Amino acid sequence: MLLPMLTDERFHIRTISALRIIKGRKIGPNDNYVHRFVIPAVNFRTTEYVDLTDWQACNPTPPPVLRQISSHELLKMIQDDVPMDGRHFIKFPSHTQAVEQIMKLVTEVSRKRVGPQNTGMYLSELH
């Protein structure tokens, strides 16, 4: 989530992402280690992708593809409004077309069938 935020066209979103990456670098170990991935809770009531994660409840892990960019360079790039494109790191899509189709389907189902029990039954009928 931090990489798409870092490439967002809105300046304040890029700034927040850079600060979260720097925070993650400060609290995490500096040596090579295997990170234990914990799936954060998802806020489905949001209208912005940046608010899907409760950032206060989780410790962000800095993206490994940004390892070669120092925290100082990262902040300077944000302050100077340098676009984050393929020159600085590999660009990954935040989601695919299949994800967009599934999200559309889930939204339609949720509107038609209110309640988690009904929604689950309707989705199982589609398979």
N, C-alpha and C. Protein backbone atom coordinates (compact mmCIF):
# COMPACT_ATOMS: atom_id res chain seq x y z
N MET A 1 0.83 -1.18 0.00
CA MET A 1 0.00 0.00 0.00
C MET A 1 0.88 1.26 0.00
N LEU A 2 2.07 1.17 0.59
CA LEU A 2 2.92 2.36 0.67
C LEU A 2 3.47 2.76 -0.69
N LEU A 3 3.74 1.80 -1.57
CA LEU A 3 4.25 2.16 -2.90
C LEU A 3 3.21 2.90 -3.74
N PRO A 4 1.98 2.42 -3.82
CA PRO A 4 0.99 3.21 -4.57
C PRO A 4 0.76 4.59 -3.97
N MET A 5 0.82 4.67 -2.63
CA MET A 5 0.66 5.98 -1.99
C MET A 5 1.81 6.91 -2.37
N LEU A 6 3.00 6.33 -2.50
CA LEU A 6 4.18 7.14 -2.84
C LEU A 6 4.10 7.68 -4.26
N THR A 7 3.33 7.03 -5.11
CA THR A 7 3.18 7.50 -6.50
C THR A 7 1.87 8.23 -6.73
N ASP A 8 1.11 8.46 -5.67
CA ASP A 8 -0.17 9.16 -5.80
C ASP A 8 0.06 10.58 -6.31
N GLU A 9 -0.90 11.09 -7.08
CA GLU A 9 -0.75 12.44 -7.64
C GLU A 9 -0.94 13.53 -6.59
N ARG A 10 -1.52 13.18 -5.45
CA ARG A 10 -1.74 14.17 -4.38
C ARG A 10 -0.51 14.27 -3.49
N PHE A 11 -0.03 15.49 -3.32
CA PHE A 11 1.20 15.74 -2.57
C PHE A 11 1.10 15.24 -1.14
N HIS A 12 -0.02 15.49 -0.46
CA HIS A 12 -0.13 15.12 0.95
C HIS A 12 -0.13 13.60 1.13
N ILE A 13 -0.63 12.86 0.17
CA ILE A 13 -0.61 11.39 0.26
C ILE A 13 0.82 10.89 0.10
N ARG A 14 1.56 11.47 -0.84
CA ARG A 14 2.97 11.08 -1.02
C ARG A 14 3.78 11.39 0.24
N THR A 15 3.51 12.53 0.86
CA THR A 15 4.22 12.92 2.08
C THR A 15 3.92 11.94 3.21
N ILE A 16 2.66 11.60 3.40
CA ILE A 16 2.27 10.65 4.45
C ILE A 16 2.96 9.31 4.22
N SER A 17 2.99 8.86 2.97
CA SER A 17 3.64 7.59 2.65
C SER A 17 5.12 7.62 2.99
N ALA A 18 5.80 8.69 2.61
CA ALA A 18 7.23 8.81 2.89
C ALA A 18 7.49 8.80 4.40
N LEU A 19 6.66 9.50 5.16
CA LEU A 19 6.83 9.53 6.61
C LEU A 19 6.58 8.16 7.23
N ARG A 20 5.63 7.42 6.72
CA ARG A 20 5.37 6.07 7.23
C ARG A 20 6.51 5.11 6.89
N ILE A 21 7.09 5.28 5.72
CA ILE A 21 8.24 4.45 5.34
C ILE A 21 9.41 4.74 6.26
N ILE A 22 9.66 6.01 6.52
CA ILE A 22 10.76 6.40 7.41
C ILE A 22 10.52 5.89 8.82
N LYS A 23 9.28 5.98 9.30
CA LYS A 23 8.93 5.46 10.62
C LYS A 23 9.19 3.96 10.69
N GLY A 24 8.80 3.24 9.64
CA GLY A 24 9.03 1.80 9.59
C GLY A 24 10.50 1.45 9.61
N ARG A 25 11.32 2.26 8.98
CA ARG A 25 12.77 2.03 8.98
C ARG A 25 13.35 2.22 10.37
N LYS A 26 12.81 3.16 11.12
CA LYS A 26 13.35 3.45 12.46
C LYS A 26 13.00 2.36 13.47
N ILE A 27 11.80 1.78 13.36
CA ILE A 27 11.39 0.81 14.37
C ILE A 27 11.76 -0.63 14.01
N GLY A 28 12.10 -0.89 12.76
CA GLY A 28 12.44 -2.24 12.33
C GLY A 28 13.93 -2.51 12.43
N PRO A 29 14.33 -3.79 12.48
CA PRO A 29 15.76 -4.13 12.50
C PRO A 29 16.42 -3.76 11.17
N ASN A 30 17.70 -3.44 11.24
CA ASN A 30 18.44 -3.01 10.05
C ASN A 30 19.08 -4.16 9.29
N ASP A 31 19.28 -5.31 9.94
CA ASP A 31 19.94 -6.41 9.25
C ASP A 31 18.94 -7.21 8.43
N ASN A 32 19.47 -8.14 7.67
CA ASN A 32 18.60 -8.99 6.84
C ASN A 32 17.88 -9.99 7.73
N TYR A 33 16.58 -10.06 7.56
CA TYR A 33 15.78 -10.98 8.35
C TYR A 33 14.52 -11.31 7.56
N VAL A 34 13.86 -12.37 7.96
CA VAL A 34 12.60 -12.74 7.34
C VAL A 34 11.50 -12.06 8.14
N HIS A 35 10.75 -11.23 7.47
CA HIS A 35 9.68 -10.48 8.14
C HIS A 35 8.43 -11.33 8.26
N ARG A 36 7.84 -11.34 9.42
CA ARG A 36 6.57 -12.07 9.63
C ARG A 36 5.44 -11.16 9.20
N PHE A 37 4.76 -11.54 8.14
CA PHE A 37 3.69 -10.72 7.60
C PHE A 37 2.41 -10.94 8.38
N VAL A 38 1.84 -9.85 8.87
CA VAL A 38 0.57 -9.89 9.58
C VAL A 38 -0.43 -9.09 8.76
N ILE A 39 -1.53 -9.70 8.42
CA ILE A 39 -2.55 -9.02 7.62
C ILE A 39 -3.30 -8.04 8.52
N PRO A 40 -3.27 -6.76 8.18
CA PRO A 40 -3.97 -5.78 9.02
C PRO A 40 -5.48 -5.83 8.77
N ALA A 41 -6.22 -5.34 9.75
CA ALA A 41 -7.67 -5.24 9.58
C ALA A 41 -7.97 -4.25 8.46
N VAL A 42 -9.03 -4.50 7.72
CA VAL A 42 -9.39 -3.64 6.59
C VAL A 42 -10.64 -2.84 6.93
N ASN A 43 -10.59 -1.55 6.67
CA ASN A 43 -11.73 -0.67 6.88
C ASN A 43 -12.52 -0.60 5.57
N PHE A 44 -13.63 -1.30 5.51
CA PHE A 44 -14.44 -1.34 4.29
C PHE A 44 -15.36 -0.14 4.16
N ARG A 45 -15.42 0.71 5.16
CA ARG A 45 -16.32 1.87 5.12
C ARG A 45 -15.65 3.12 4.56
N THR A 46 -14.46 2.99 4.07
CA THR A 46 -13.73 4.15 3.57
C THR A 46 -14.02 4.40 2.09
N THR A 47 -13.77 5.62 1.67
CA THR A 47 -13.91 5.95 0.25
C THR A 47 -12.55 6.17 -0.40
N GLU A 48 -11.48 6.15 0.37
CA GLU A 48 -10.12 6.34 -0.12
C GLU A 48 -9.29 5.09 0.14
N TYR A 49 -8.50 4.68 -0.83
CA TYR A 49 -7.69 3.48 -0.65
C TYR A 49 -6.65 3.65 0.45
N VAL A 50 -6.23 4.88 0.71
CA VAL A 50 -5.21 5.11 1.74
C VAL A 50 -5.75 4.86 3.14
N ASP A 51 -7.07 4.86 3.30
CA ASP A 51 -7.68 4.64 4.61
C ASP A 51 -8.14 3.20 4.81
N LEU A 52 -7.81 2.30 3.90
CA LEU A 52 -8.19 0.90 4.06
C LEU A 52 -7.51 0.28 5.28
N THR A 53 -6.31 0.73 5.58
CA THR A 53 -5.55 0.22 6.71
C THR A 53 -5.61 1.21 7.86
N ASP A 54 -5.78 0.70 9.08
CA ASP A 54 -5.70 1.55 10.26
C ASP A 54 -4.21 1.70 10.60
N TRP A 55 -3.64 2.79 10.17
CA TRP A 55 -2.20 2.99 10.29
C TRP A 55 -1.74 3.16 11.74
N GLN A 56 -2.65 3.54 12.63
CA GLN A 56 -2.29 3.68 14.05
C GLN A 56 -2.15 2.31 14.71
N ALA A 57 -2.83 1.31 14.18
CA ALA A 57 -2.84 -0.02 14.80
C ALA A 57 -1.77 -0.96 14.24
N CYS A 58 -1.03 -0.54 13.22
CA CYS A 58 -0.03 -1.44 12.65
C CYS A 58 1.32 -0.73 12.51
N ASN A 59 2.36 -1.54 12.45
CA ASN A 59 3.71 -1.01 12.22
C ASN A 59 4.04 -1.23 10.75
N PRO A 60 4.18 -0.15 9.99
CA PRO A 60 4.44 -0.31 8.56
C PRO A 60 5.83 -0.88 8.30
N THR A 61 5.90 -1.75 7.33
CA THR A 61 7.18 -2.32 6.91
C THR A 61 7.62 -1.59 5.66
N PRO A 62 8.83 -1.03 5.67
CA PRO A 62 9.28 -0.31 4.47
C PRO A 62 9.42 -1.25 3.28
N PRO A 63 8.98 -0.82 2.10
CA PRO A 63 9.09 -1.67 0.91
C PRO A 63 10.56 -1.95 0.57
N PRO A 64 10.92 -3.21 0.37
CA PRO A 64 12.31 -3.55 0.05
C PRO A 64 12.82 -2.89 -1.23
N VAL A 65 11.94 -2.57 -2.18
CA VAL A 65 12.40 -1.95 -3.42
C VAL A 65 12.91 -0.53 -3.20
N LEU A 66 12.65 0.02 -2.03
CA LEU A 66 13.15 1.38 -1.72
C LEU A 66 14.40 1.35 -0.86
N ARG A 67 14.96 0.17 -0.67
CA ARG A 67 16.12 0.01 0.20
C ARG A 67 17.30 0.90 -0.22
N GLN A 68 17.47 1.10 -1.53
CA GLN A 68 18.62 1.87 -2.01
C GLN A 68 18.42 3.38 -1.87
N ILE A 69 17.20 3.82 -1.53
CA ILE A 69 16.92 5.25 -1.35
C ILE A 69 16.93 5.55 0.14
N SER A 70 17.81 6.45 0.57
CA SER A 70 17.90 6.79 1.99
C SER A 70 16.67 7.59 2.42
N SER A 71 16.46 7.66 3.72
CA SER A 71 15.33 8.43 4.25
C SER A 71 15.47 9.90 3.89
N HIS A 72 16.68 10.40 3.93
CA HIS A 72 16.92 11.81 3.58
C HIS A 72 16.58 12.06 2.11
N GLU A 73 17.04 11.16 1.22
CA GLU A 73 16.73 11.31 -0.21
C GLU A 73 15.22 11.22 -0.46
N LEU A 74 14.57 10.32 0.24
CA LEU A 74 13.13 10.14 0.08
C LEU A 74 12.38 11.42 0.46
N LEU A 75 12.73 12.00 1.60
CA LEU A 75 12.08 13.25 2.02
C LEU A 75 12.38 14.38 1.05
N LYS A 76 13.62 14.45 0.56
CA LYS A 76 13.99 15.51 -0.38
C LYS A 76 13.21 15.37 -1.68
N MET A 77 13.02 14.15 -2.15
CA MET A 77 12.26 13.93 -3.38
C MET A 77 10.81 14.37 -3.21
N ILE A 78 10.25 14.13 -2.03
CA ILE A 78 8.87 14.55 -1.77
C ILE A 78 8.80 16.07 -1.68
N GLN A 79 9.73 16.67 -0.93
CA GLN A 79 9.72 18.13 -0.76
C GLN A 79 9.94 18.86 -2.08
N ASP A 80 10.81 18.31 -2.92
CA ASP A 80 11.08 18.93 -4.22
C ASP A 80 10.04 18.55 -5.27
N ASP A 81 9.07 17.74 -4.88
CA ASP A 81 7.99 17.29 -5.75
C ASP A 81 8.52 16.54 -6.98
N VAL A 82 9.52 15.69 -6.73
CA VAL A 82 10.08 14.86 -7.80
C VAL A 82 9.14 13.67 -8.00
N PRO A 83 8.67 13.44 -9.22
CA PRO A 83 7.75 12.31 -9.43
C PRO A 83 8.43 10.98 -9.19
N MET A 84 7.72 10.09 -8.52
CA MET A 84 8.24 8.75 -8.26
C MET A 84 7.84 7.86 -9.42
N ASP A 85 8.76 7.66 -10.33
CA ASP A 85 8.44 6.81 -11.47
C ASP A 85 9.43 5.66 -11.54
N GLY A 86 9.49 4.98 -12.64
CA GLY A 86 10.33 3.80 -12.81
C GLY A 86 11.81 4.04 -12.63
N ARG A 87 12.26 5.30 -12.66
CA ARG A 87 13.69 5.56 -12.48
C ARG A 87 14.13 5.24 -11.06
N HIS A 88 13.22 5.35 -10.10
CA HIS A 88 13.59 5.20 -8.70
C HIS A 88 13.31 3.81 -8.14
N PHE A 89 12.27 3.20 -8.59
CA PHE A 89 11.96 1.84 -8.17
C PHE A 89 11.00 1.20 -9.15
N ILE A 90 10.89 -0.09 -9.06
CA ILE A 90 10.00 -0.82 -9.94
C ILE A 90 8.56 -0.47 -9.57
N LYS A 91 7.76 -0.15 -10.56
CA LYS A 91 6.37 0.22 -10.30
C LYS A 91 5.50 -1.03 -10.33
N PHE A 92 4.80 -1.26 -9.24
CA PHE A 92 3.90 -2.39 -9.14
C PHE A 92 2.47 -1.88 -9.14
N PRO A 93 1.57 -2.53 -9.85
CA PRO A 93 0.17 -2.11 -9.78
C PRO A 93 -0.39 -2.44 -8.40
N SER A 94 -1.25 -1.58 -7.89
CA SER A 94 -1.83 -1.84 -6.58
C SER A 94 -2.94 -2.89 -6.66
N HIS A 95 -3.48 -3.10 -7.84
CA HIS A 95 -4.47 -4.14 -8.04
C HIS A 95 -4.59 -4.43 -9.53
N THR A 96 -5.28 -5.50 -9.84
CA THR A 96 -5.43 -5.91 -11.24
C THR A 96 -6.86 -5.70 -11.71
N GLN A 97 -7.08 -5.93 -12.97
CA GLN A 97 -8.42 -5.81 -13.54
C GLN A 97 -9.37 -6.82 -12.88
N ALA A 98 -8.84 -8.00 -12.58
CA ALA A 98 -9.68 -9.02 -11.93
C ALA A 98 -10.15 -8.54 -10.56
N VAL A 99 -9.27 -7.86 -9.83
CA VAL A 99 -9.66 -7.32 -8.52
C VAL A 99 -10.76 -6.28 -8.69
N GLU A 100 -10.64 -5.42 -9.69
CA GLU A 100 -11.68 -4.42 -9.94
C GLU A 100 -13.02 -5.09 -10.23
N GLN A 101 -13.01 -6.16 -11.02
CA GLN A 101 -14.25 -6.87 -11.34
C GLN A 101 -14.85 -7.51 -10.10
N ILE A 102 -14.01 -8.11 -9.27
CA ILE A 102 -14.49 -8.73 -8.03
C ILE A 102 -15.08 -7.67 -7.10
N MET A 103 -14.41 -6.53 -6.97
CA MET A 103 -14.91 -5.46 -6.10
C MET A 103 -16.27 -4.96 -6.58
N LYS A 104 -16.44 -4.87 -7.88
CA LYS A 104 -17.72 -4.44 -8.44
C LYS A 104 -18.80 -5.46 -8.09
N LEU A 105 -18.48 -6.73 -8.25
CA LEU A 105 -19.43 -7.79 -7.94
C LEU A 105 -19.80 -7.79 -6.46
N VAL A 106 -18.80 -7.68 -5.59
CA VAL A 106 -19.05 -7.67 -4.15
C VAL A 106 -19.91 -6.47 -3.76
N THR A 107 -19.65 -5.33 -4.36
CA THR A 107 -20.45 -4.14 -4.08
C THR A 107 -21.90 -4.35 -4.48
N GLU A 108 -22.12 -4.92 -5.67
CA GLU A 108 -23.49 -5.19 -6.13
C GLU A 108 -24.20 -6.18 -5.21
N VAL A 109 -23.48 -7.22 -4.83
CA VAL A 109 -24.06 -8.23 -3.94
C VAL A 109 -24.44 -7.61 -2.60
N SER A 110 -23.56 -6.80 -2.07
CA SER A 110 -23.81 -6.17 -0.77
C SER A 110 -25.03 -5.27 -0.82
N ARG A 111 -25.21 -4.59 -1.91
CA ARG A 111 -26.38 -3.72 -2.03
C ARG A 111 -27.67 -4.52 -2.12
N LYS A 112 -27.61 -5.66 -2.81
CA LYS A 112 -28.82 -6.48 -2.99
C LYS A 112 -29.17 -7.27 -1.74
N ARG A 113 -28.17 -7.76 -1.09
CA ARG A 113 -28.37 -8.63 0.07
C ARG A 113 -27.72 -8.01 1.29
N VAL A 114 -28.48 -7.36 2.10
CA VAL A 114 -27.93 -6.71 3.29
C VAL A 114 -27.70 -7.77 4.36
N GLY A 115 -26.56 -7.68 5.02
CA GLY A 115 -26.23 -8.61 6.10
C GLY A 115 -25.18 -9.60 5.68
N PRO A 116 -24.23 -9.90 6.58
CA PRO A 116 -23.14 -10.81 6.23
C PRO A 116 -23.61 -12.23 5.91
N GLN A 117 -24.68 -12.71 6.58
CA GLN A 117 -25.15 -14.07 6.32
C GLN A 117 -25.69 -14.16 4.89
N ASN A 118 -26.50 -13.19 4.48
CA ASN A 118 -27.10 -13.23 3.15
C ASN A 118 -26.06 -13.04 2.06
N THR A 119 -25.10 -12.15 2.28
CA THR A 119 -24.07 -11.89 1.28
C THR A 119 -23.24 -13.15 1.05
N GLY A 120 -22.86 -13.84 2.12
CA GLY A 120 -22.07 -15.06 2.00
C GLY A 120 -22.81 -16.13 1.23
N MET A 121 -24.11 -16.26 1.48
CA MET A 121 -24.91 -17.26 0.76
C MET A 121 -24.98 -16.92 -0.72
N TYR A 122 -25.16 -15.64 -1.05
CA TYR A 122 -25.28 -15.24 -2.44
C TYR A 122 -23.97 -15.48 -3.19
N LEU A 123 -22.84 -15.17 -2.55
CA LEU A 123 -21.54 -15.39 -3.20
C LEU A 123 -21.30 -16.87 -3.45
N SER A 124 -21.70 -17.73 -2.51
CA SER A 124 -21.48 -19.16 -2.71
C SER A 124 -22.36 -19.70 -3.84
N GLU A 125 -23.51 -19.05 -4.09
CA GLU A 125 -24.38 -19.46 -5.18
C GLU A 125 -23.75 -19.17 -6.55
N LEU A 126 -22.84 -18.20 -6.61
CA LEU A 126 -22.23 -17.81 -7.88
C LEU A 126 -21.22 -18.84 -8.38
N HIS A 127 -20.68 -19.64 -7.49
CA HIS A 127 -19.65 -20.61 -7.89
C HIS A 127 -20.23 -21.81 -8.49
